[in-house]
Each structure stands twice: as C-alpha cells, then as structure tokens.
Amino acid sequence: MGRGSALKPEVLEANGVRLNAGTREVFFDGAPVEVTSIEYDILEVLVRSAGRVVSRDDLARFLYNRQANPLERALDVHVSHLRKKLERGRNLIRTVRGVGYLFAAEDEPVLKEEQSA
C-alpha cells in the first residue's frame, strides 16, 4: 500500500450518484447536491447496497441504533427529501412496500404518471 492510498477518500458511485466519504459530499451527474447529515447517511447505506433492498429496520439500526417503528415517519420524510434532490427524471430510490428501500443499480426512467404523483 502506497503512502497516498491511505489518504485517498473512499468514493462510492451508482447510477449517476457519487458520494465522497472523506468529505461527505454528494454529486448527481457531476453536479454537487446539498444534503443534510442524516440524508447523507441514508444515501450512503442505499448506494452501498445498490440493487438490493435495504429494510427499514436495517436503516433505523444504522441511523438510530434501534428497530424501526412502523408508525414513525421520519425515515420516510428523509427519503422523500432525497428523492426531490436527486430524481430529476429518474427513479433512483424505490419503496418496496412493507420492507424498505432499493437504490436502483441501473438507470430506470420515470413514467409520466409517476412524475405527477
């Protein structure tokens, strides 16, 4: 391992979204995106698991060190904010009803009906 590799920040990429773990910066199609600390944490978990469903319980354990409460909507609100910031014409974060969320590993166009919803 070279001296520079120990200082090189980890960069995660999936479907046009790039996260720099060292600076906690988010880029979408090369443009910077402002996210809160909790939004960054959620996005990091989802991008690391791109193409796989992440349960609400797993996200809650990672974020809050506890199991998800089915009546608590805070997690859903944060995911909604991420969608508004990232999903310009794309369906990046899908809800898997009764389970959790899936970050699309590949580009999935949004249908016109979905855009108006």
Protein backbone atom coordinates (compact mmCIF):
# COMPACT_ATOMS: atom_id res chain seq x y z
CA MET A 1 0.00 0.00 0.00
CA GLY A 2 1.43 3.35 -1.06
CA ARG A 3 1.55 6.40 1.13
CA GLY A 4 -1.12 8.22 -0.95
CA SER A 5 -3.64 5.36 -0.79
CA ALA A 6 -4.05 5.74 2.99
CA LEU A 7 -5.18 9.34 2.50
CA LYS A 8 -7.35 8.76 -0.58
CA PRO A 9 -11.02 9.20 0.38
CA GLU A 10 -13.45 6.46 -0.46
CA VAL A 11 -15.73 7.31 -3.37
CA LEU A 12 -18.99 5.42 -3.91
CA GLU A 13 -20.82 5.58 -7.23
CA ALA A 14 -24.10 4.18 -8.52
CA ASN A 15 -26.45 5.31 -11.25
CA GLY A 16 -25.07 8.85 -11.62
CA VAL A 17 -24.77 9.46 -7.86
CA ARG A 18 -21.26 9.87 -6.43
CA LEU A 19 -20.52 10.10 -2.71
CA ASN A 20 -17.17 11.17 -1.31
CA ALA A 21 -16.97 9.52 2.11
CA GLY A 22 -13.99 11.67 3.19
CA THR A 23 -15.77 14.98 2.64
CA ARG A 24 -19.38 13.67 2.82
CA GLU A 25 -20.11 15.41 -0.49
CA VAL A 26 -22.79 14.20 -2.91
CA PHE A 27 -22.78 14.71 -6.68
CA PHE A 28 -25.54 13.83 -9.12
CA ASP A 29 -24.49 13.63 -12.78
CA GLY A 30 -21.39 15.64 -11.79
CA ALA A 31 -23.26 18.49 -10.08
CA PRO A 32 -23.00 19.00 -6.31
CA VAL A 33 -26.11 18.25 -4.25
CA GLU A 34 -26.66 19.73 -0.78
CA VAL A 35 -27.83 17.09 1.69
CA THR A 36 -28.20 17.01 5.45
CA SER A 37 -26.05 14.73 7.58
CA ILE A 38 -28.86 12.18 8.05
CA GLU A 39 -29.70 12.28 4.33
CA TYR A 40 -26.05 11.56 3.55
CA ASP A 41 -26.07 8.59 5.94
CA ILE A 42 -29.24 7.15 4.37
CA LEU A 43 -27.89 7.67 0.87
CA GLU A 44 -24.58 6.03 1.74
CA VAL A 45 -26.33 2.89 3.01
CA LEU A 46 -28.57 2.77 -0.07
CA VAL A 47 -25.75 3.35 -2.58
CA ARG A 48 -23.55 0.72 -0.89
CA SER A 49 -26.48 -1.69 -1.33
CA ALA A 50 -27.46 -0.56 -4.84
CA GLY A 51 -29.66 -3.17 -6.50
CA ARG A 52 -30.59 -4.76 -3.16
CA VAL A 53 -33.44 -3.92 -0.81
CA VAL A 54 -32.44 -2.30 2.49
CA SER A 55 -35.05 -2.89 5.17
CA ARG A 56 -36.44 -0.03 7.25
CA ASP A 57 -35.19 -1.93 10.32
CA ASP A 58 -31.63 -2.07 8.95
CA LEU A 59 -31.70 1.66 8.17
CA ALA A 60 -33.12 2.50 11.61
CA ARG A 61 -30.49 0.34 13.33
CA PHE A 62 -27.73 2.07 11.36
CA LEU A 63 -29.10 5.59 11.90
CA TYR A 64 -30.70 5.42 15.34
CA ASN A 65 -29.34 2.18 16.88
CA ARG A 66 -32.84 0.78 17.22
CA GLN A 67 -35.56 -1.07 15.31
CA ALA A 68 -37.88 0.92 13.07
CA ASN A 69 -41.24 1.89 14.49
CA PRO A 70 -43.95 1.28 11.86
CA LEU A 71 -45.77 4.47 12.91
CA GLU A 72 -42.67 6.68 12.78
CA ARG A 73 -42.41 8.57 9.50
CA ALA A 74 -39.09 10.43 9.98
CA LEU A 75 -37.18 7.97 7.79
CA ASP A 76 -39.80 8.28 5.04
CA VAL A 77 -39.56 12.08 5.16
CA HIS A 78 -35.76 11.98 4.77
CA VAL A 79 -36.06 9.58 1.82
CA SER A 80 -38.68 11.87 0.27
CA HIS A 81 -36.27 14.81 0.56
CA LEU A 82 -33.51 12.77 -1.08
CA ARG A 83 -35.84 11.86 -3.95
CA LYS A 84 -36.66 15.54 -4.55
CA LYS A 85 -32.96 16.41 -4.61
CA LEU A 86 -31.82 13.52 -6.83
CA GLU A 87 -34.56 12.11 -9.02
CA ARG A 88 -34.84 14.60 -11.85
CA GLY A 89 -36.41 12.30 -14.45
CA ARG A 90 -35.13 9.11 -12.83
CA ASN A 91 -36.47 6.57 -10.37
CA LEU A 92 -33.40 6.10 -8.15
CA ILE A 93 -34.89 5.24 -4.75
CA ARG A 94 -37.80 2.84 -4.85
CA THR A 95 -40.03 1.94 -1.93
CA VAL A 96 -40.51 -1.80 -1.50
CA ARG A 97 -43.82 -1.78 0.33
CA GLY A 98 -43.70 -3.43 3.74
CA VAL A 99 -39.94 -3.99 3.51
CA GLY A 100 -37.78 -0.93 2.86
CA TYR A 101 -35.99 0.88 0.07
CA LEU A 102 -33.98 -0.05 -3.00
CA PHE A 103 -31.46 2.20 -4.75
CA ALA A 104 -31.58 1.37 -8.47
CA ALA A 105 -28.26 -0.04 -9.67
CA GLU A 106 -29.08 1.00 -13.25
CA ASP A 107 -30.97 3.88 -14.79
CA GLU A 108 -34.75 3.47 -14.71
CA PRO A 109 -36.80 6.14 -16.48
CA VAL A 110 -39.73 7.60 -14.57
CA LEU A 111 -43.13 7.15 -16.19
CA LYS A 112 -45.21 10.30 -16.73
CA GLU A 113 -47.79 9.08 -14.20
CA GLU A 114 -45.04 8.70 -11.57
CA GLN A 115 -43.69 12.20 -12.21
CA SER A 116 -47.04 13.81 -11.43
CA ALA A 117 -47.55 11.78 -8.23
